Amino acid sequence: MQPGSLFVKTSRAELIESGALVEALKAGRPGSAAVDVFEHEPVKDARDPLLALPMRSARRHLGFVALDQLRSISRPVRPPVLAFERGQAIDVINPEVLTRPSG
């Protein structure tokens, strides 16, 4: 992939070899990634190498859900998102990334 490309993974984690996305991101190809599926779910370990990379966006996989389920799932997500919008960070799994220089 080109250095400026965005890799989006919303399917089965097994479609990518273990560790390959982390190594590719470190090499700069692709330039960034958005994922919602992981090798081991739920992600409980903040030491997951993918979570340590600044060029990724990661969230838990929801799949298809009914409206009531979506509301119950999204309820706990709302406060951190609203805090982020205000420039604050709450419920951060890997707070060390908040002190890293960007770029």
PDB file of N, CA and C in Angstrom:
ATOM      1  N   MET A   1       0.847  -1.188   0.000  1.00  0.00           N
ATOM      2  CA  MET A   1       0.000   0.000   0.000  1.00  0.00           C
ATOM      3  C   MET A   1       0.881   1.235   0.000  1.00  0.00           C
ATOM      4  N   GLN A   2       0.335   2.308  -0.502  1.00  0.00           N
ATOM      5  CA  GLN A   2       1.060   3.570  -0.552  1.00  0.00           C
ATOM      6  C   GLN A   2       1.180   4.180   0.841  1.00  0.00           C
ATOM      7  N   PRO A   3       2.217   4.989   1.096  1.00  0.00           N
ATOM      8  CA  PRO A   3       2.396   5.591   2.415  1.00  0.00           C
ATOM      9  C   PRO A   3       1.211   6.440   2.874  1.00  0.00           C
ATOM     10  N   GLY A   4       0.488   7.068   1.983  1.00  0.00           N
ATOM     11  CA  GLY A   4      -0.637   7.909   2.362  1.00  0.00           C
ATOM     12  C   GLY A   4      -1.965   7.180   2.453  1.00  0.00           C
ATOM     13  N   SER A   5      -1.956   5.868   2.232  1.00  0.00           N
ATOM     14  CA  SER A   5      -3.217   5.130   2.211  1.00  0.00           C
ATOM     15  C   SER A   5      -3.708   4.795   3.613  1.00  0.00           C
ATOM     16  N   LEU A   6      -5.014   4.556   3.697  1.00  0.00           N
ATOM     17  CA  LEU A   6      -5.678   4.164   4.939  1.00  0.00           C
ATOM     18  C   LEU A   6      -6.171   2.740   4.785  1.00  0.00           C
ATOM     19  N   PHE A   7      -5.772   1.867   5.678  1.00  0.00           N
ATOM     20  CA  PHE A   7      -6.220   0.482   5.676  1.00  0.00           C
ATOM     21  C   PHE A   7      -7.373   0.365   6.663  1.00  0.00           C
ATOM     22  N   VAL A   8      -8.507  -0.161   6.213  1.00  0.00           N
ATOM     23  CA  VAL A   8      -9.677  -0.316   7.071  1.00  0.00           C
ATOM     24  C   VAL A   8      -9.971  -1.803   7.207  1.00  0.00           C
ATOM     25  N   LYS A   9     -10.016  -2.278   8.456  1.00  0.00           N
ATOM     26  CA  LYS A   9     -10.286  -3.696   8.705  1.00  0.00           C
ATOM     27  C   LYS A   9     -11.526  -3.801   9.594  1.00  0.00           C
ATOM     28  N   THR A  10     -12.615  -4.275   8.996  1.00  0.00           N
ATOM     29  CA  THR A  10     -13.859  -4.451   9.744  1.00  0.00           C
ATOM     30  C   THR A  10     -14.388  -5.867   9.594  1.00  0.00           C
ATOM     31  N   SER A  11     -13.528  -6.743   9.116  1.00  0.00           N
ATOM     32  CA  SER A  11     -13.943  -8.115   8.875  1.00  0.00           C
ATOM     33  C   SER A  11     -13.227  -9.031   9.855  1.00  0.00           C
ATOM     34  N   ARG A  12     -13.044 -10.246   9.501  1.00  0.00           N
ATOM     35  CA  ARG A  12     -12.396 -11.236  10.355  1.00  0.00           C
ATOM     36  C   ARG A  12     -10.930 -10.883  10.605  1.00  0.00           C
ATOM     37  N   ALA A  13     -10.506 -10.998  11.853  1.00  0.00           N
ATOM     38  CA  ALA A  13      -9.116 -10.713  12.204  1.00  0.00           C
ATOM     39  C   ALA A  13      -8.164 -11.664  11.488  1.00  0.00           C
ATOM     40  N   GLU A  14      -8.613 -12.894  11.230  1.00  0.00           N
ATOM     41  CA  GLU A  14      -7.755 -13.912  10.626  1.00  0.00           C
ATOM     42  C   GLU A  14      -7.386 -13.616   9.175  1.00  0.00           C
ATOM     43  N   LEU A  15      -7.993 -12.613   8.565  1.00  0.00           N
ATOM     44  CA  LEU A  15      -7.678 -12.298   7.177  1.00  0.00           C
ATOM     45  C   LEU A  15      -6.294 -11.680   7.015  1.00  0.00           C
ATOM     46  N   ILE A  16      -5.722 -11.245   8.120  1.00  0.00           N
ATOM     47  CA  ILE A  16      -4.387 -10.656   8.095  1.00  0.00           C
ATOM     48  C   ILE A  16      -3.500 -11.466   9.024  1.00  0.00           C
ATOM     49  N   GLU A  17      -2.323 -11.786   8.546  1.00  0.00           N
ATOM     50  CA  GLU A  17      -1.372 -12.559   9.349  1.00  0.00           C
ATOM     51  C   GLU A  17      -1.079 -11.838  10.664  1.00  0.00           C
ATOM     52  N   SER A  18      -0.946 -12.605  11.721  1.00  0.00           N
ATOM     53  CA  SER A  18      -0.674 -12.058  13.041  1.00  0.00           C
ATOM     54  C   SER A  18       0.544 -11.131  13.014  1.00  0.00           C
ATOM     55  N   GLY A  19       0.371  -9.915  13.474  1.00  0.00           N
ATOM     56  CA  GLY A  19       1.470  -8.950  13.539  1.00  0.00           C
ATOM     57  C   GLY A  19       1.770  -8.216  12.247  1.00  0.00           C
ATOM     58  N   ALA A  20       1.197  -8.638  11.138  1.00  0.00           N
ATOM     59  CA  ALA A  20       1.523  -8.039   9.842  1.00  0.00           C
ATOM     60  C   ALA A  20       1.092  -6.572   9.749  1.00  0.00           C
ATOM     61  N   LEU A  21      -0.079  -6.240  10.277  1.00  0.00           N
ATOM     62  CA  LEU A  21      -0.542  -4.858  10.197  1.00  0.00           C
ATOM     63  C   LEU A  21       0.346  -3.943  11.030  1.00  0.00           C
ATOM     64  N   VAL A  22       0.731  -4.387  12.211  1.00  0.00           N
ATOM     65  CA  VAL A  22       1.618  -3.583  13.060  1.00  0.00           C
ATOM     66  C   VAL A  22       2.934  -3.326  12.337  1.00  0.00           C
ATOM     67  N   GLU A  23       3.527  -4.357  11.766  1.00  0.00           N
ATOM     68  CA  GLU A  23       4.802  -4.198  11.051  1.00  0.00           C
ATOM     69  C   GLU A  23       4.645  -3.293   9.826  1.00  0.00           C
ATOM     70  N   ALA A  24       3.536  -3.430   9.116  1.00  0.00           N
ATOM     71  CA  ALA A  24       3.301  -2.591   7.938  1.00  0.00           C
ATOM     72  C   ALA A  24       3.151  -1.125   8.338  1.00  0.00           C
ATOM     73  N   LEU A  25       2.423  -0.871   9.417  1.00  0.00           N
ATOM     74  CA  LEU A  25       2.260   0.507   9.886  1.00  0.00           C
ATOM     75  C   LEU A  25       3.587   1.097  10.347  1.00  0.00           C
ATOM     76  N   LYS A  26       4.395   0.297  11.021  1.00  0.00           N
ATOM     77  CA  LYS A  26       5.716   0.771  11.443  1.00  0.00           C
ATOM     78  C   LYS A  26       6.586   1.123  10.242  1.00  0.00           C
ATOM     79  N   ALA A  27       6.400   0.375   9.145  1.00  0.00           N
ATOM     80  CA  ALA A  27       7.167   0.630   7.918  1.00  0.00           C
ATOM     81  C   ALA A  27       6.586   1.788   7.105  1.00  0.00           C
ATOM     82  N   GLY A  28       5.410   2.276   7.514  1.00  0.00           N
ATOM     83  CA  GLY A  28       4.814   3.418   6.817  1.00  0.00           C
ATOM     84  C   GLY A  28       3.943   3.072   5.635  1.00  0.00           C
ATOM     85  N   ARG A  29       3.660   1.801   5.443  1.00  0.00           N
ATOM     86  CA  ARG A  29       2.821   1.351   4.334  1.00  0.00           C
ATOM     87  C   ARG A  29       1.835   0.326   4.837  1.00  0.00           C
ATOM     88  N   PRO A  30       0.610   0.651   5.114  1.00  0.00           N
ATOM     89  CA  PRO A  30      -0.086   1.898   4.828  1.00  0.00           C
ATOM     90  C   PRO A  30       0.302   2.989   5.826  1.00  0.00           C
ATOM     91  N   GLY A  31      -0.146   4.203   5.522  1.00  0.00           N
ATOM     92  CA  GLY A  31       0.160   5.324   6.393  1.00  0.00           C
ATOM     93  C   GLY A  31      -0.645   5.301   7.675  1.00  0.00           C
ATOM     94  N   SER A  32      -1.831   4.709   7.628  1.00  0.00           N
ATOM     95  CA  SER A  32      -2.683   4.636   8.814  1.00  0.00           C
ATOM     96  C   SER A  32      -3.668   3.487   8.672  1.00  0.00           C
ATOM     97  N   ALA A  33      -4.337   3.176   9.784  1.00  0.00           N
ATOM     98  CA  ALA A  33      -5.278   2.062   9.773  1.00  0.00           C
ATOM     99  C   ALA A  33      -6.434   2.352  10.719  1.00  0.00           C
ATOM    100  N   ALA A  34      -7.593   1.844  10.359  1.00  0.00           N
ATOM    101  CA  ALA A  34      -8.780   1.893  11.211  1.00  0.00           C
ATOM    102  C   ALA A  34      -9.258   0.456  11.359  1.00  0.00           C
ATOM    103  N   VAL A  35      -9.365  -0.011  12.590  1.00  0.00           N
ATOM    104  CA  VAL A  35      -9.752  -1.404  12.815  1.00  0.00           C
ATOM    105  C   VAL A  35     -10.840  -1.501  13.876  1.00  0.00           C
ATOM    106  N   ASP A  36     -11.670  -2.501  13.723  1.00  0.00           N
ATOM    107  CA  ASP A  36     -12.639  -2.796  14.786  1.00  0.00           C
ATOM    108  C   ASP A  36     -12.699  -4.293  15.071  1.00  0.00           C
ATOM    109  N   VAL A  37     -11.710  -5.022  14.595  1.00  0.00           N
ATOM    110  CA  VAL A  37     -11.572  -6.435  14.923  1.00  0.00           C
ATOM    111  C   VAL A  37     -10.114  -6.701  15.284  1.00  0.00           C
ATOM    112  N   PHE A  38      -9.927  -7.559  16.276  1.00  0.00           N
ATOM    113  CA  PHE A  38      -8.593  -7.844  16.781  1.00  0.00           C
ATOM    114  C   PHE A  38      -8.397  -9.347  16.884  1.00  0.00           C
ATOM    115  N   GLU A  39      -7.134  -9.772  16.952  1.00  0.00           N
ATOM    116  CA  GLU A  39      -6.839 -11.204  17.090  1.00  0.00           C
ATOM    117  C   GLU A  39      -7.480 -11.773  18.340  1.00  0.00           C
ATOM    118  N   HIS A  40      -7.388 -11.040  19.429  1.00  0.00           N
ATOM    119  CA  HIS A  40      -7.938 -11.484  20.700  1.00  0.00           C
ATOM    120  C   HIS A  40      -8.955 -10.450  21.166  1.00  0.00           C
ATOM    121  N   GLU A  41     -10.197 -10.859  21.241  1.00  0.00           N
ATOM    122  CA  GLU A  41     -11.256  -9.946  21.661  1.00  0.00           C
ATOM    123  C   GLU A  41     -11.960 -10.489  22.883  1.00  0.00           C
ATOM    124  N   PRO A  42     -12.397  -9.622  23.756  1.00  0.00           N
ATOM    125  CA  PRO A  42     -12.190  -8.179  23.692  1.00  0.00           C
ATOM    126  C   PRO A  42     -10.741  -7.827  24.030  1.00  0.00           C
ATOM    127  N   VAL A  43     -10.292  -6.699  23.538  1.00  0.00           N
ATOM    128  CA  VAL A  43      -8.936  -6.233  23.814  1.00  0.00           C
ATOM    129  C   VAL A  43      -8.905  -5.760  25.261  1.00  0.00           C
ATOM    130  N   LYS A  44      -8.169  -6.473  26.079  1.00  0.00           N
ATOM    131  CA  LYS A  44      -8.084  -6.129  27.502  1.00  0.00           C
ATOM    132  C   LYS A  44      -6.683  -5.680  27.875  1.00  0.00           C
ATOM    133  N   ASP A  45      -5.738  -5.929  27.012  1.00  0.00           N
ATOM    134  CA  ASP A  45      -4.348  -5.656  27.322  1.00  0.00           C
ATOM    135  C   ASP A  45      -3.891  -4.384  26.620  1.00  0.00           C
ATOM    136  N   ALA A  46      -3.610  -3.344  27.393  1.00  0.00           N
ATOM    137  CA  ALA A  46      -3.165  -2.074  26.819  1.00  0.00           C
ATOM    138  C   ALA A  46      -1.801  -2.208  26.162  1.00  0.00           C
ATOM    139  N   ARG A  47      -1.137  -3.349  26.375  1.00  0.00           N
ATOM    140  CA  ARG A  47       0.168  -3.562  25.738  1.00  0.00           C
ATOM    141  C   ARG A  47       0.033  -4.129  24.327  1.00  0.00           C
ATOM    142  N   ASP A  48      -1.179  -4.297  23.836  1.00  0.00           N
ATOM    143  CA  ASP A  48      -1.381  -4.768  22.465  1.00  0.00           C
ATOM    144  C   ASP A  48      -0.588  -3.841  21.541  1.00  0.00           C
ATOM    145  N   PRO A  49       0.303  -4.383  20.708  1.00  0.00           N
ATOM    146  CA  PRO A  49       1.164  -3.539  19.878  1.00  0.00           C
ATOM    147  C   PRO A  49       0.395  -2.578  18.972  1.00  0.00           C
ATOM    148  N   LEU A  50      -0.764  -2.973  18.511  1.00  0.00           N
ATOM    149  CA  LEU A  50      -1.542  -2.091  17.637  1.00  0.00           C
ATOM    150  C   LEU A  50      -2.016  -0.850  18.386  1.00  0.00           C
ATOM    151  N   LEU A  51      -2.364  -0.999  19.652  1.00  0.00           N
ATOM    152  CA  LEU A  51      -2.843   0.136  20.433  1.00  0.00           C
ATOM    153  C   LEU A  51      -1.749   1.155  20.710  1.00  0.00           C
ATOM    154  N   ALA A  52      -0.503   0.741  20.635  1.00  0.00           N
ATOM    155  CA  ALA A  52       0.616   1.639  20.906  1.00  0.00           C
ATOM    156  C   ALA A  52       0.960   2.537  19.721  1.00  0.00           C
ATOM    157  N   LEU A  53       0.393   2.255  18.559  1.00  0.00           N
ATOM    158  CA  LEU A  53       0.740   3.023  17.364  1.00  0.00           C
ATOM    159  C   LEU A  53      -0.138   4.263  17.230  1.00  0.00           C
ATOM    160  N   PRO A  54       0.471   5.414  16.955  1.00  0.00           N
ATOM    161  CA  PRO A  54      -0.310   6.646  16.833  1.00  0.00           C
ATOM    162  C   PRO A  54      -1.086   6.747  15.524  1.00  0.00           C
ATOM    163  N   MET A  55      -0.738   5.948  14.525  1.00  0.00           N
ATOM    164  CA  MET A  55      -1.369   6.066  13.208  1.00  0.00           C
ATOM    165  C   MET A  55      -2.519   5.094  13.015  1.00  0.00           C
ATOM    166  N   ARG A  56      -3.229   4.817  14.100  1.00  0.00           N
ATOM    167  CA  ARG A  56      -4.352   3.907  13.989  1.00  0.00           C
ATOM    168  C   ARG A  56      -5.546   4.446  14.772  1.00  0.00           C
ATOM    169  N   SER A  57      -6.704   4.024  14.316  1.00  0.00           N
ATOM    170  CA  SER A  57      -7.950   4.274  15.026  1.00  0.00           C
ATOM    171  C   SER A  57      -8.535   2.904  15.319  1.00  0.00           C
ATOM    172  N   ALA A  58      -8.835   2.646  16.573  1.00  0.00           N
ATOM    173  CA  ALA A  58      -9.333   1.330  16.946  1.00  0.00           C
ATOM    174  C   ALA A  58     -10.573   1.460  17.814  1.00  0.00           C
ATOM    175  N   ARG A  59     -11.527   0.607  17.549  1.00  0.00           N
ATOM    176  CA  ARG A  59     -12.736   0.564  18.371  1.00  0.00           C
ATOM    177  C   ARG A  59     -13.222  -0.866  18.394  1.00  0.00           C
ATOM    178  N   ARG A  60     -14.105  -1.155  19.334  1.00  0.00           N
ATOM    179  CA  ARG A  60     -14.584  -2.521  19.420  1.00  0.00           C
ATOM    180  C   ARG A  60     -15.566  -2.819  18.285  1.00  0.00           C
ATOM    181  N   HIS A  61     -15.620  -4.072  17.912  1.00  0.00           N
ATOM    182  CA  HIS A  61     -16.472  -4.524  16.817  1.00  0.00           C
ATOM    183  C   HIS A  61     -17.899  -4.704  17.315  1.00  0.00           C
ATOM    184  N   LEU A  62     -18.840  -4.108  16.612  1.00  0.00           N
ATOM    185  CA  LEU A  62     -20.239  -4.220  17.018  1.00  0.00           C
ATOM    186  C   LEU A  62     -21.021  -5.203  16.166  1.00  0.00           C
ATOM    187  N   GLY A  63     -20.657  -5.340  14.894  1.00  0.00           N
ATOM    188  CA  GLY A  63     -21.438  -6.195  14.017  1.00  0.00           C
ATOM    189  C   GLY A  63     -22.847  -5.637  13.863  1.00  0.00           C
ATOM    190  N   PHE A  64     -23.799  -6.476  13.547  1.00  0.00           N
ATOM    191  CA  PHE A  64     -25.179  -6.023  13.402  1.00  0.00           C
ATOM    192  C   PHE A  64     -25.882  -6.120  14.743  1.00  0.00           C
ATOM    193  N   VAL A  65     -26.556  -5.049  15.114  1.00  0.00           N
ATOM    194  CA  VAL A  65     -27.295  -5.052  16.373  1.00  0.00           C
ATOM    195  C   VAL A  65     -28.636  -4.367  16.180  1.00  0.00           C
ATOM    196  N   ALA A  66     -29.590  -4.713  17.000  1.00  0.00           N
ATOM    197  CA  ALA A  66     -30.893  -4.052  17.000  1.00  0.00           C
ATOM    198  C   ALA A  66     -30.751  -2.687  17.663  1.00  0.00           C
ATOM    199  N   LEU A  67     -31.696  -1.811  17.441  1.00  0.00           N
ATOM    200  CA  LEU A  67     -31.638  -0.445  17.951  1.00  0.00           C
ATOM    201  C   LEU A  67     -31.471  -0.405  19.469  1.00  0.00           C
ATOM    202  N   ASP A  68     -32.223  -1.221  20.207  1.00  0.00           N
ATOM    203  CA  ASP A  68     -32.083  -1.240  21.667  1.00  0.00           C
ATOM    204  C   ASP A  68     -30.683  -1.671  22.087  1.00  0.00           C
ATOM    205  N   GLN A  69     -30.131  -2.651  21.390  1.00  0.00           N
ATOM    206  CA  GLN A  69     -28.773  -3.094  21.690  1.00  0.00           C
ATOM    207  C   GLN A  69     -27.774  -1.986  21.372  1.00  0.00           C
ATOM    208  N   LEU A  70     -27.962  -1.328  20.246  1.00  0.00           N
ATOM    209  CA  LEU A  70     -27.067  -0.240  19.858  1.00  0.00           C
ATOM    210  C   LEU A  70     -27.074   0.865  20.906  1.00  0.00           C
ATOM    211  N   ARG A  71     -28.240   1.202  21.406  1.00  0.00           N
ATOM    212  CA  ARG A  71     -28.333   2.234  22.448  1.00  0.00           C
ATOM    213  C   ARG A  71     -27.589   1.805  23.702  1.00  0.00           C
ATOM    214  N   SER A  72     -27.769   0.554  24.129  1.00  0.00           N
ATOM    215  CA  SER A  72     -27.106   0.100  25.353  1.00  0.00           C
ATOM    216  C   SER A  72     -25.597   0.006  25.163  1.00  0.00           C
ATOM    217  N   ILE A  73     -25.150  -0.329  23.962  1.00  0.00           N
ATOM    218  CA  ILE A  73     -23.721  -0.411  23.672  1.00  0.00           C
ATOM    219  C   ILE A  73     -23.114   0.984  23.598  1.00  0.00           C
ATOM    220  N   SER A  74     -23.826   1.912  22.977  1.00  0.00           N
ATOM    221  CA  SER A  74     -23.264   3.246  22.762  1.00  0.00           C
ATOM    222  C   SER A  74     -23.320   4.132  23.997  1.00  0.00           C
ATOM    223  N   ARG A  75     -24.186   3.809  24.936  1.00  0.00           N
ATOM    224  CA  ARG A  75     -24.325   4.638  26.144  1.00  0.00           C
ATOM    225  C   ARG A  75     -22.992   4.855  26.860  1.00  0.00           C
ATOM    226  N   PRO A  76     -22.189   3.805  27.128  1.00  0.00           N
ATOM    227  CA  PRO A  76     -20.916   4.043  27.822  1.00  0.00           C
ATOM    228  C   PRO A  76     -19.864   4.742  26.960  1.00  0.00           C
ATOM    229  N   VAL A  77     -20.056   4.752  25.656  1.00  0.00           N
ATOM    230  CA  VAL A  77     -19.091   5.378  24.754  1.00  0.00           C
ATOM    231  C   VAL A  77     -19.292   6.897  24.697  1.00  0.00           C
ATOM    232  N   ARG A  78     -20.477   7.340  24.943  1.00  0.00           N
ATOM    233  CA  ARG A  78     -20.817   8.759  24.807  1.00  0.00           C
ATOM    234  C   ARG A  78     -19.958   9.694  25.679  1.00  0.00           C
ATOM    235  N   PRO A  79     -19.794   9.448  26.985  1.00  0.00           N
ATOM    236  CA  PRO A  79     -18.993  10.378  27.789  1.00  0.00           C
ATOM    237  C   PRO A  79     -17.554  10.576  27.294  1.00  0.00           C
ATOM    238  N   PRO A  80     -16.815   9.501  26.940  1.00  0.00           N
ATOM    239  CA  PRO A  80     -15.459   9.732  26.431  1.00  0.00           C
ATOM    240  C   PRO A  80     -15.442  10.520  25.122  1.00  0.00           C
ATOM    241  N   VAL A  81     -16.402  10.278  24.249  1.00  0.00           N
ATOM    242  CA  VAL A  81     -16.445  11.001  22.977  1.00  0.00           C
ATOM    243  C   VAL A  81     -16.726  12.482  23.225  1.00  0.00           C
ATOM    244  N   LEU A  82     -17.681  12.779  24.084  1.00  0.00           N
ATOM    245  CA  LEU A  82     -17.996  14.171  24.396  1.00  0.00           C
ATOM    246  C   LEU A  82     -16.828  14.848  25.109  1.00  0.00           C
ATOM    247  N   ALA A  83     -16.137  14.119  25.977  1.00  0.00           N
ATOM    248  CA  ALA A  83     -14.961  14.680  26.644  1.00  0.00           C
ATOM    249  C   ALA A  83     -13.866  14.981  25.626  1.00  0.00           C
ATOM    250  N   PHE A  84     -13.652  14.064  24.683  1.00  0.00           N
ATOM    251  CA  PHE A  84     -12.654  14.277  23.640  1.00  0.00           C
ATOM    252  C   PHE A  84     -12.980  15.529  22.838  1.00  0.00           C
ATOM    253  N   GLU A  85     -14.242  15.728  22.543  1.00  0.00           N
ATOM    254  CA  GLU A  85     -14.677  16.910  21.797  1.00  0.00           C
ATOM    255  C   GLU A  85     -14.321  18.190  22.564  1.00  0.00           C
ATOM    256  N   ARG A  86     -14.315  18.114  23.903  1.00  0.00           N
ATOM    257  CA  ARG A  86     -13.956  19.261  24.743  1.00  0.00           C
ATOM    258  C   ARG A  86     -12.447  19.359  24.971  1.00  0.00           C
ATOM    259  N   GLY A  87     -11.682  18.456  24.366  1.00  0.00           N
ATOM    260  CA  GLY A  87     -10.237  18.480  24.531  1.00  0.00           C
ATOM    261  C   GLY A  87      -9.742  17.732  25.758  1.00  0.00           C
ATOM    262  N   GLN A  88     -10.579  16.891  26.327  1.00  0.00           N
ATOM    263  CA  GLN A  88     -10.215  16.109  27.507  1.00  0.00           C
ATOM    264  C   GLN A  88     -10.125  14.640  27.119  1.00  0.00           C
ATOM    265  N   ALA A  89      -9.427  13.887  27.916  1.00  0.00           N
ATOM    266  CA  ALA A  89      -9.329  12.444  27.676  1.00  0.00           C
ATOM    267  C   ALA A  89      -9.734  11.709  28.947  1.00  0.00           C
ATOM    268  N   ILE A  90     -10.746  10.847  28.836  1.00  0.00           N
ATOM    269  CA  ILE A  90     -11.168  10.034  29.975  1.00  0.00           C
ATOM    270  C   ILE A  90     -11.258   8.586  29.525  1.00  0.00           C
ATOM    271  N   ASP A  91     -11.124   7.674  30.453  1.00  0.00           N
ATOM    272  CA  ASP A  91     -11.204   6.232  30.176  1.00  0.00           C
ATOM    273  C   ASP A  91     -10.232   5.791  29.091  1.00  0.00           C
ATOM    274  N   VAL A  92      -9.020   6.307  29.115  1.00  0.00           N
ATOM    275  CA  VAL A  92      -8.013   5.977  28.110  1.00  0.00           C
ATOM    276  C   VAL A  92      -7.305   4.690  28.529  1.00  0.00           C
ATOM    277  N   ILE A  93      -7.269   3.715  27.628  1.00  0.00           N
ATOM    278  CA  ILE A  93      -6.635   2.427  27.911  1.00  0.00           C
ATOM    279  C   ILE A  93      -5.116   2.569  27.915  1.00  0.00           C
ATOM    280  N   ASN A  94      -4.578   3.371  27.013  1.00  0.00           N
ATOM    281  CA  ASN A  94      -3.128   3.536  26.899  1.00  0.00           C
ATOM    282  C   ASN A  94      -2.778   5.021  27.024  1.00  0.00           C
ATOM    283  N   PRO A  95      -2.817   5.585  28.255  1.00  0.00           N
ATOM    284  CA  PRO A  95      -2.620   7.018  28.450  1.00  0.00           C
ATOM    285  C   PRO A  95      -1.247   7.532  28.025  1.00  0.00           C
ATOM    286  N   GLU A  96      -0.268   6.661  27.880  1.00  0.00           N
ATOM    287  CA  GLU A  96       1.058   7.123  27.465  1.00  0.00           C
ATOM    288  C   GLU A  96       1.052   7.775  26.084  1.00  0.00           C
ATOM    289  N   VAL A  97       0.084   7.425  25.245  1.00  0.00           N
ATOM    290  CA  VAL A  97       0.039   8.043  23.913  1.00  0.00           C
ATOM    291  C   VAL A  97      -0.373   9.513  23.982  1.00  0.00           C
ATOM    292  N   LEU A  98      -0.962   9.927  25.079  1.00  0.00           N
ATOM    293  CA  LEU A  98      -1.378  11.320  25.216  1.00  0.00           C
ATOM    294  C   LEU A  98      -0.193  12.245  25.388  1.00  0.00           C
ATOM    295  N   THR A  99       0.962  11.718  25.796  1.00  0.00           N
ATOM    296  CA  THR A  99       2.137  12.552  26.021  1.00  0.00           C
ATOM    297  C   THR A  99       3.149  12.438  24.889  1.00  0.00           C
ATOM    298  N   ARG A 100       2.873  11.621  23.896  1.00  0.00           N
ATOM    299  CA  ARG A 100       3.780  11.481  22.761  1.00  0.00           C
ATOM    300  C   ARG A 100       3.620  12.642  21.818  1.00  0.00           C
ATOM    301  N   PRO A 101       4.746  13.099  21.229  1.00  0.00           N
ATOM    302  CA  PRO A 101       4.613  14.133  20.189  1.00  0.00           C
ATOM    303  C   PRO A 101       3.952  13.539  18.959  1.00  0.00           C
ATOM    304  N   SER A 102       3.076  14.296  18.334  1.00  0.00           N
ATOM    305  CA  SER A 102       2.399  13.803  17.127  1.00  0.00           C
ATOM    306  C   SER A 102       3.261  14.060  15.912  1.00  0.00           C
ATOM    307  N   GLY A 103       2.962  13.320  14.858  1.00  0.00           N
ATOM    308  CA  GLY A 103       3.642  13.540  13.594  1.00  0.00           C
ATOM    309  C   GLY A 103       4.569  12.472  13.332  1.00  0.00           C
TER     310      GLY A 103
END
